[in-house]
């Protein structure tokens, strides 16, 4: 069976099973789909199943393409829904982020309303105002501002210490101006910096990669793939996003050719290509690479990427991985939801469904449910262990903070050490 058609996946957003709904949402969000017809179906789901619990994590809707109608809906929700409970406040925060991420041309007519909306905090107000200002600036002015950001950050090591979000917003506005900036992007991508310390190119490089992705500029593919070999979180993430946004078979082919001999971090980021680009070639390539991937963590992530394609072939490949290691719970959960969407059957499927139902009852907070709160007096005093104790496999995303408490991302800490059991 070929990949599930996009219209069928959209209908999955309305499925009675919450896991299936989340799988459908994940599919469109991870692919950075430009299809503006997805969000109206999400709104239908929220109307049907409620604002809380319809999707395991609602923040993924901020990755979806918006329209005048969906932006107007979000503004109305933000300004009329109550904010009495933490659940309600979290819902409004997602909507505030959605509006601050949306095309500022769509948000501009509502700016006066948003600037005085209590649920639209100062960080969102200032960002929207700034992005609206960028709309009126020409390309040269935007490039000068981008260069100023990188110059100011050239001795900074961390994203939090530079105007990184501003830089990404400028990149988005440059992309809206079109291919006129493609040559400059290519010149930046061709630069080879031997020492990033004290160089503004340390920040300009990932921003140029991001712009190439937003322009969907295919000639940049080999340059971006080459940069994916460099071991850096910010650059690696922007390469990953850019390749998925370009989203053609030429991307799949370039990553495929580099994958077998590439470094661990390259193969980790490359998994997103085989899951995020909806393509028959991406599925076929992912299956072949899965057969030769010796690293168990990367095998697991590659299998999950194939499941995200929502095809019977990808599901079958992931099923074989799960048979060899039944403890891969994230893979199991994704496969069960994908099989429900595709109508595919495996002998263990009903047993897995029961396991998932039991786990949700025991630990609802791991599936987006509320955290059980006990009175303090009833909590027994337990001596603190000398070191972190391994627990059952939890739902920790590779970009999430590592459960060991190091402060690093999971993919850069315990995951490559076998920490996928955390």
Protein backbone atom coordinates (compact mmCIF):
# COMPACT_ATOMS: atom_id res chain seq x y z
CA UNK A 1 0.00 0.00 0.00
CA UNK A 2 1.36 3.48 -0.80
CA UNK A 3 1.57 6.22 1.76
CA UNK A 4 -1.73 7.24 3.30
CA UNK A 5 -3.16 10.19 1.31
CA UNK A 6 -3.05 13.60 2.95
CA UNK A 7 -6.85 13.85 3.05
CA UNK A 8 -7.06 10.56 4.95
CA UNK A 9 -4.46 11.79 7.44
CA UNK A 10 -6.46 14.99 7.93
CA UNK A 11 -9.47 12.85 8.82
CA UNK A 12 -7.23 11.18 11.38
CA UNK A 13 -7.21 14.48 13.24
CA UNK A 14 -10.87 13.76 14.07
CA UNK A 15 -10.41 10.10 15.01
CA UNK A 16 -11.99 8.96 18.32
CA UNK A 17 -8.60 7.68 19.53
CA UNK A 18 -6.48 10.52 20.97
CA UNK A 19 -3.23 8.76 20.02
CA UNK A 20 -4.34 8.57 16.40
CA UNK A 21 -5.27 12.26 16.43
CA UNK A 22 -1.84 13.15 17.79
CA UNK A 23 -0.10 10.97 15.19
CA UNK A 24 -1.93 12.79 12.40
CA UNK A 25 -1.02 16.16 13.92
CA UNK A 26 2.61 15.09 14.31
CA UNK A 27 2.74 14.10 10.65
CA UNK A 28 1.81 17.57 9.39
CA UNK A 29 3.74 19.51 12.04
CA UNK A 30 7.02 17.63 11.54
CA UNK A 31 6.84 18.13 7.79
CA UNK A 32 6.28 21.90 8.27
CA UNK A 33 3.40 21.41 5.87
CA UNK A 34 2.41 24.55 3.94
CA UNK A 35 -1.13 23.18 3.60
CA UNK A 36 -3.39 25.78 5.25
CA UNK A 37 -6.34 23.37 5.17
CA UNK A 38 -4.91 21.32 8.07
CA UNK A 39 -5.53 23.88 10.82
CA UNK A 40 -9.31 24.14 10.21
CA UNK A 41 -9.57 20.38 10.83
CA UNK A 42 -7.56 20.81 14.04
CA UNK A 43 -10.07 23.46 15.11
CA UNK A 44 -12.90 21.04 14.35
CA UNK A 45 -11.20 18.47 16.58
CA UNK A 46 -10.85 20.98 19.42
CA UNK A 47 -14.52 21.88 19.07
CA UNK A 48 -15.49 18.22 19.06
CA UNK A 49 -13.27 16.80 21.81
CA UNK A 50 -12.53 19.85 23.94
CA UNK A 51 -9.64 22.28 24.36
CA UNK A 52 -7.80 20.06 26.83
CA UNK A 53 -6.72 16.52 25.97
CA UNK A 54 -7.69 16.47 22.30
CA UNK A 55 -3.99 16.16 21.44
CA UNK A 56 -1.25 14.83 23.68
CA UNK A 57 0.75 18.03 23.18
CA UNK A 58 -1.04 20.95 21.56
CA UNK A 59 2.03 23.10 20.91
CA UNK A 60 2.58 21.31 17.57
CA UNK A 61 -0.19 23.42 16.04
CA UNK A 62 2.23 26.36 16.04
CA UNK A 63 4.07 24.57 13.18
CA UNK A 64 0.98 24.52 10.98
CA UNK A 65 0.24 26.97 8.17
CA UNK A 66 -2.37 29.54 9.13
CA UNK A 67 -4.96 31.50 7.16
CA UNK A 68 -6.98 34.67 7.80
CA UNK A 69 -9.80 32.54 9.21
CA UNK A 70 -7.63 30.46 11.57
CA UNK A 71 -5.78 33.52 12.85
CA UNK A 72 -9.11 35.23 13.53
CA UNK A 73 -10.26 32.10 15.38
CA UNK A 74 -7.10 32.08 17.52
CA UNK A 75 -7.52 35.78 18.37
CA UNK A 76 -11.11 35.20 19.43
CA UNK A 77 -10.11 32.19 21.56
CA UNK A 78 -7.27 34.12 23.16
CA UNK A 79 -9.46 37.07 24.07
CA UNK A 80 -12.60 35.23 25.21
CA UNK A 81 -11.55 31.93 26.80
CA UNK A 82 -11.08 31.85 30.60
CA UNK A 83 -7.66 31.57 32.25
CA UNK A 84 -8.66 30.22 35.66
CA UNK A 85 -6.77 26.91 35.72
CA UNK A 86 -3.27 25.90 34.67
CA UNK A 87 -4.76 23.88 31.81
CA UNK A 88 -6.62 26.92 30.55
CA UNK A 89 -3.53 29.12 30.84
CA UNK A 90 -1.41 26.57 28.98
CA UNK A 91 -3.98 26.50 26.18
CA UNK A 92 -3.88 30.28 25.86
CA UNK A 93 -0.07 30.27 25.86
CA UNK A 94 -0.11 27.90 22.89
CA UNK A 95 -2.48 30.23 21.04
CA UNK A 96 -0.28 33.23 21.87
CA UNK A 97 2.72 31.41 20.46
CA UNK A 98 0.73 30.39 17.38
CA UNK A 99 -0.15 34.01 16.69
CA UNK A 100 3.39 35.25 17.26
CA UNK A 101 4.70 32.54 14.89
CA UNK A 102 2.07 33.11 12.19
CA UNK A 103 2.62 35.20 9.07
CA UNK A 104 2.61 38.79 10.43
CA UNK A 105 0.58 39.91 7.41
CA UNK A 106 -2.27 37.81 8.79
CA UNK A 107 -1.78 39.00 12.36
CA UNK A 108 -1.36 42.72 11.62
CA UNK A 109 -5.13 43.48 11.39
CA UNK A 110 -5.51 42.12 14.94
CA UNK A 111 -2.47 43.80 16.46
CA UNK A 112 -4.39 46.50 18.36
CA UNK A 113 -6.54 43.82 19.99
CA UNK A 114 -3.56 41.63 20.86
CA UNK A 115 -1.51 44.45 22.34
CA UNK A 116 -4.08 44.87 25.12
CA UNK A 117 -5.10 41.21 25.53
CA UNK A 118 -4.17 39.97 29.05
CA UNK A 119 -3.33 36.48 27.78
CA UNK A 120 -0.96 37.89 25.14
CA UNK A 121 2.09 38.51 27.29
CA UNK A 122 4.73 41.21 26.75
CA UNK A 123 7.15 38.83 25.02
CA UNK A 124 4.49 38.02 22.42
CA UNK A 125 3.41 41.66 22.03
CA UNK A 126 6.94 42.87 21.37
CA UNK A 127 7.66 40.06 18.95
CA UNK A 128 4.53 40.66 16.88
CA UNK A 129 5.20 44.40 16.80
CA UNK A 130 8.77 43.76 15.67
CA UNK A 131 7.74 41.30 12.95
CA UNK A 132 5.16 43.79 11.63
CA UNK A 133 7.95 46.38 11.43
CA UNK A 134 10.07 43.97 9.37
CA UNK A 135 7.27 43.84 6.79
CA UNK A 136 8.01 47.41 5.71
CA UNK A 137 11.80 47.01 5.47
CA UNK A 138 13.60 46.24 2.23
CA UNK A 139 16.08 43.41 1.80
CA UNK A 140 19.20 45.52 2.34
CA UNK A 141 17.90 46.85 5.65
CA UNK A 142 17.01 43.35 6.82
CA UNK A 143 20.45 41.99 5.89
CA UNK A 144 22.12 44.84 7.80
CA UNK A 145 20.06 44.00 10.88
CA UNK A 146 20.92 40.31 10.51
CA UNK A 147 24.62 41.14 10.27
CA UNK A 148 24.36 43.38 13.34
CA UNK A 149 22.81 40.53 15.33
CA UNK A 150 25.62 38.17 14.33
CA UNK A 151 28.32 40.77 15.02
CA UNK A 152 26.92 41.40 18.50
CA UNK A 153 26.84 37.66 19.18
CA UNK A 154 30.23 36.67 17.79
CA UNK A 155 31.74 36.12 21.26
CA UNK A 156 28.62 34.46 22.64
CA UNK A 157 28.32 30.71 22.93
CA UNK A 158 24.63 30.16 23.70
CA UNK A 159 21.43 30.98 21.83
CA UNK A 160 19.95 32.61 24.93
CA UNK A 161 22.74 35.22 24.86
CA UNK A 162 22.06 36.45 21.31
CA UNK A 163 19.04 37.82 19.47
CA UNK A 164 18.47 34.45 17.87
CA UNK A 165 14.68 34.67 17.65
CA UNK A 166 14.98 38.08 15.99
CA UNK A 167 17.38 36.59 13.48
CA UNK A 168 14.97 33.81 12.58
CA UNK A 169 12.15 36.33 12.16
CA UNK A 170 14.30 38.39 9.78
CA UNK A 171 15.14 35.22 7.85
CA UNK A 172 11.44 34.51 7.48
CA UNK A 173 10.80 37.99 6.10
CA UNK A 174 13.72 37.67 3.67
CA UNK A 175 12.25 34.37 2.49
CA UNK A 176 8.94 36.11 1.79
CA UNK A 177 10.81 38.45 -0.54
CA UNK A 178 11.78 35.44 -2.64
CA UNK A 179 14.67 34.19 -4.73
CA UNK A 180 16.33 37.61 -4.96
CA UNK A 181 18.31 36.57 -1.87
CA UNK A 182 19.31 33.10 -3.11
CA UNK A 183 22.73 34.10 -4.50
CA UNK A 184 23.73 35.77 -1.25
CA UNK A 185 22.62 32.69 0.70
CA UNK A 186 24.70 30.44 -1.56
CA UNK A 187 27.77 32.65 -1.07
CA UNK A 188 27.37 32.41 2.71
CA UNK A 189 26.91 28.64 2.62
CA UNK A 190 30.07 28.22 0.54
CA UNK A 191 32.20 29.97 3.16
CA UNK A 192 34.44 27.63 5.14
CA UNK A 193 35.30 28.98 8.59
CA UNK A 194 38.28 27.32 10.25
CA UNK A 195 37.72 28.98 13.62
CA UNK A 196 34.25 30.01 14.79
CA UNK A 197 35.54 31.65 17.96
CA UNK A 198 35.03 35.39 17.70
CA UNK A 199 33.46 35.07 14.25
CA UNK A 200 30.01 36.44 13.38
CA UNK A 201 29.72 33.59 10.89
CA UNK A 202 29.13 31.22 13.82
CA UNK A 203 25.58 32.65 13.92
CA UNK A 204 25.22 33.75 10.29
CA UNK A 205 25.89 30.21 9.05
CA UNK A 206 22.84 28.54 10.66
CA UNK A 207 20.70 31.56 9.73
CA UNK A 208 21.79 31.20 6.09
CA UNK A 209 20.91 27.50 6.25
CA UNK A 210 17.49 28.42 7.63
CA UNK A 211 16.92 30.92 4.82
CA UNK A 212 17.89 28.36 2.19
CA UNK A 213 15.30 26.01 3.67
CA UNK A 214 12.56 28.62 3.78
CA UNK A 215 13.32 29.50 0.16
CA UNK A 216 13.18 25.75 -0.65
CA UNK A 217 16.33 26.38 -2.68
CA UNK A 218 17.41 23.02 -4.13
CA UNK A 219 20.91 24.12 -5.26
CA UNK A 220 21.75 24.55 -1.56
CA UNK A 221 21.15 20.86 -0.76
CA UNK A 222 24.75 19.60 -1.08
CA UNK A 223 26.06 22.55 0.94
CA UNK A 224 23.54 21.95 3.74
CA UNK A 225 24.24 18.21 3.80
CA UNK A 226 27.97 18.96 4.06
CA UNK A 227 27.33 21.24 7.04
CA UNK A 228 25.33 18.51 8.75
CA UNK A 229 28.65 16.72 9.31
CA UNK A 230 29.69 19.51 11.70
CA UNK A 231 28.79 18.65 15.28
CA UNK A 232 26.83 21.64 16.55
CA UNK A 233 23.32 21.74 17.99
CA UNK A 234 22.16 25.00 16.43
CA UNK A 235 23.66 24.32 13.01
CA UNK A 236 22.52 20.68 13.03
CA UNK A 237 18.95 21.59 13.90
CA UNK A 238 18.78 24.27 11.20
CA UNK A 239 20.20 21.85 8.62
CA UNK A 240 17.58 19.29 9.62
CA UNK A 241 14.72 21.79 9.36
CA UNK A 242 16.00 23.22 6.07
CA UNK A 243 16.31 19.83 4.39
CA UNK A 244 12.81 18.83 5.44
CA UNK A 245 11.41 22.17 4.23
CA UNK A 246 13.09 21.81 0.83
CA UNK A 247 11.48 18.40 0.93
CA UNK A 248 12.36 16.91 -2.45
CA UNK A 249 13.76 13.55 -3.48
CA UNK A 250 17.05 15.32 -4.20
CA UNK A 251 17.34 15.86 -0.43
CA UNK A 252 16.67 12.17 0.23
CA UNK A 253 19.30 11.14 -2.31
CA UNK A 254 21.95 13.49 -0.91
CA UNK A 255 21.40 12.33 2.67
CA UNK A 256 21.25 8.69 1.56
CA UNK A 257 24.63 8.91 -0.15
CA UNK A 258 26.29 10.46 2.91
CA UNK A 259 24.57 8.38 5.60
CA UNK A 260 26.48 5.05 5.63
CA UNK A 261 29.86 6.54 6.56
CA UNK A 262 28.58 9.60 8.43
CA UNK A 263 29.07 10.50 12.06
CA UNK A 264 26.54 9.55 14.76
CA UNK A 265 25.14 13.08 15.03
CA UNK A 266 24.69 13.29 11.24
CA UNK A 267 22.66 10.08 11.21
CA UNK A 268 20.59 11.29 14.16
CA UNK A 269 19.56 14.51 12.40
CA UNK A 270 19.13 12.66 9.09
CA UNK A 271 16.33 10.58 10.59
CA UNK A 272 14.07 13.61 10.28
CA UNK A 273 14.50 13.53 6.51
CA UNK A 274 13.19 9.98 6.28
CA UNK A 275 10.22 10.80 8.50
CA UNK A 276 9.48 14.41 7.61
CA UNK A 277 9.59 14.31 3.81
CA UNK A 278 6.45 12.52 2.60
CA UNK A 279 7.97 10.55 -0.27
CA UNK A 280 8.07 6.97 -1.52
CA UNK A 281 11.83 7.34 -2.02
CA UNK A 282 12.23 8.46 1.62
CA UNK A 283 10.44 5.31 2.75
CA UNK A 284 12.44 2.98 0.51
CA UNK A 285 15.71 4.62 1.48
CA UNK A 286 14.89 4.55 5.18
CA UNK A 287 14.08 0.83 5.00
CA UNK A 288 17.39 0.04 3.29
CA UNK A 289 19.38 2.09 5.78
CA UNK A 290 17.53 0.46 8.65
CA UNK A 291 18.81 -2.93 7.50
CA UNK A 292 22.42 -1.84 7.96
CA UNK A 293 22.17 0.55 10.95
CA UNK A 294 24.17 -1.08 13.77
CA UNK A 295 23.54 1.54 16.46
CA UNK A 296 20.48 0.45 18.45
CA UNK A 297 19.37 3.98 19.34
CA UNK A 298 19.62 5.17 15.75
CA UNK A 299 17.85 2.02 14.58
CA UNK A 300 14.99 2.89 16.94
CA UNK A 301 14.78 6.51 15.75
CA UNK A 302 14.99 5.51 12.10
CA UNK A 303 12.16 3.02 12.64
CA UNK A 304 10.08 5.76 14.31
CA UNK A 305 10.75 8.05 11.35
CA UNK A 306 9.47 5.37 8.97
CA UNK A 307 6.30 4.99 11.04
CA UNK A 308 5.71 8.73 10.74
CA UNK A 309 5.42 8.28 6.97
CA UNK A 310 2.13 6.42 7.57
CA UNK A 311 2.73 3.70 5.00
CA UNK A 312 2.32 -0.05 5.31
CA UNK A 313 5.89 -0.63 4.10
CA UNK A 314 7.33 1.67 6.73
CA UNK A 315 5.16 0.07 9.40
CA UNK A 316 6.35 -3.40 8.43
CA UNK A 317 10.01 -2.36 8.73
CA UNK A 318 9.35 -0.80 12.14
CA UNK A 319 7.45 -3.91 13.22
CA UNK A 320 10.54 -6.03 12.58
CA UNK A 321 12.60 -3.73 14.79
CA UNK A 322 9.99 -3.91 17.55
CA UNK A 323 9.96 -7.70 17.37
CA UNK A 324 13.69 -7.70 18.09
CA UNK A 325 13.25 -5.31 21.04
CA UNK A 326 9.69 -5.27 22.49
CA UNK A 327 10.74 -2.70 25.12
CA UNK A 328 10.86 0.13 22.58
CA UNK A 329 7.68 1.71 23.89
CA UNK A 330 7.81 4.93 21.89
CA UNK A 331 8.12 2.89 18.70
CA UNK A 332 5.31 0.60 19.85
CA UNK A 333 2.99 3.51 20.60
CA UNK A 334 3.65 5.18 17.25
CA UNK A 335 3.23 1.92 15.37
CA UNK A 336 -0.10 1.13 17.03
CA UNK A 337 -1.51 4.56 16.12
CA UNK A 338 -0.13 4.35 12.58
CA UNK A 339 -1.66 0.90 12.09
CA UNK A 340 -5.02 2.22 13.26
CA UNK A 341 -4.80 4.97 10.64
CA UNK A 342 -3.65 2.70 7.81
CA UNK A 343 -5.91 -0.22 8.75
CA UNK A 344 -2.91 -2.51 9.06
CA UNK A 345 -2.87 -5.58 11.34
CA UNK A 346 -0.13 -7.38 13.23
CA UNK A 347 -0.65 -10.36 15.61
CA UNK A 348 0.50 -8.38 18.66
CA UNK A 349 -1.55 -5.28 17.91
CA UNK A 350 -4.44 -5.87 20.33
CA UNK A 351 -2.02 -6.83 23.08
CA UNK A 352 -0.08 -3.62 22.54
CA UNK A 353 -3.27 -1.59 22.64
CA UNK A 354 -4.12 -3.11 26.00
CA UNK A 355 -0.62 -2.36 27.33
CA UNK A 356 -0.98 1.27 26.28
CA UNK A 357 -4.41 1.56 27.92
CA UNK A 358 -3.03 0.10 31.15
CA UNK A 359 -0.04 2.45 31.11
CA UNK A 360 -2.29 5.46 30.58
CA UNK A 361 -4.31 4.51 33.62
CA UNK A 362 -1.21 4.05 35.77
CA UNK A 363 0.75 7.10 34.55
CA UNK A 364 -1.58 9.53 32.76
CA UNK A 365 0.91 12.41 33.02
CA UNK A 366 3.28 10.59 30.64
CA UNK A 367 0.61 10.79 27.94
CA UNK A 368 -0.32 14.45 28.37
CA UNK A 369 -2.77 13.86 31.20
CA UNK A 370 -2.88 15.63 34.58
CA UNK A 371 -0.29 14.94 37.23
CA UNK A 372 -1.79 13.32 40.29
CA UNK A 373 -1.32 15.51 43.37
CA UNK A 374 -1.14 13.98 46.83
CA UNK A 375 -1.37 15.85 50.14
CA UNK A 376 2.12 16.56 51.42
CA UNK A 377 1.44 14.76 54.70
CA UNK A 378 0.79 11.49 52.89
CA UNK A 379 4.08 11.43 51.01
CA UNK A 380 6.56 9.21 52.88
CA UNK A 381 10.07 10.48 53.37
CA UNK A 382 12.44 8.56 51.11
CA UNK A 383 16.22 8.97 51.27
CA UNK A 384 17.56 10.61 48.14
CA UNK A 385 19.58 8.13 46.07
CA UNK A 386 23.24 8.87 45.56
CA UNK A 387 22.83 8.79 41.78
CA UNK A 388 19.96 8.81 39.29
CA UNK A 389 18.09 5.52 39.27
CA UNK A 390 17.19 4.03 35.88
CA UNK A 391 13.44 3.89 35.40
CA UNK A 392 11.06 2.41 32.90
CA UNK A 393 11.36 3.92 29.45
CA UNK A 394 9.68 7.33 29.52
CA UNK A 395 8.50 9.55 26.68
CA UNK A 396 11.63 11.69 26.35
CA UNK A 397 12.11 13.41 23.01
CA UNK A 398 15.63 13.69 21.66
CA UNK A 399 15.43 17.52 21.88
CA UNK A 400 13.98 17.46 25.41
CA UNK A 401 16.08 18.19 28.52
CA UNK A 402 17.92 15.03 29.58
CA UNK A 403 16.22 13.24 32.53
CA UNK A 404 19.60 12.84 34.24
CA UNK A 405 19.46 16.53 35.17
CA UNK A 406 22.61 17.61 33.31
CA UNK A 407 20.82 20.52 31.63
CA UNK A 408 21.81 19.26 28.20
CA UNK A 409 19.46 18.02 25.52
CA UNK A 410 18.73 14.30 25.72
CA UNK A 411 20.34 13.63 22.30
CA UNK A 412 23.59 15.25 23.46
CA UNK A 413 23.74 13.53 26.84
CA UNK A 414 22.40 10.12 27.84
CA UNK A 415 20.82 9.07 24.56
CA UNK A 416 24.09 8.21 22.77
CA UNK A 417 25.19 6.37 25.93
CA UNK A 418 22.23 4.04 25.82
CA UNK A 419 20.05 6.51 27.69
CA UNK A 420 17.00 5.72 25.57
CA UNK A 421 15.98 3.55 28.52
CA UNK A 422 15.43 6.65 30.62
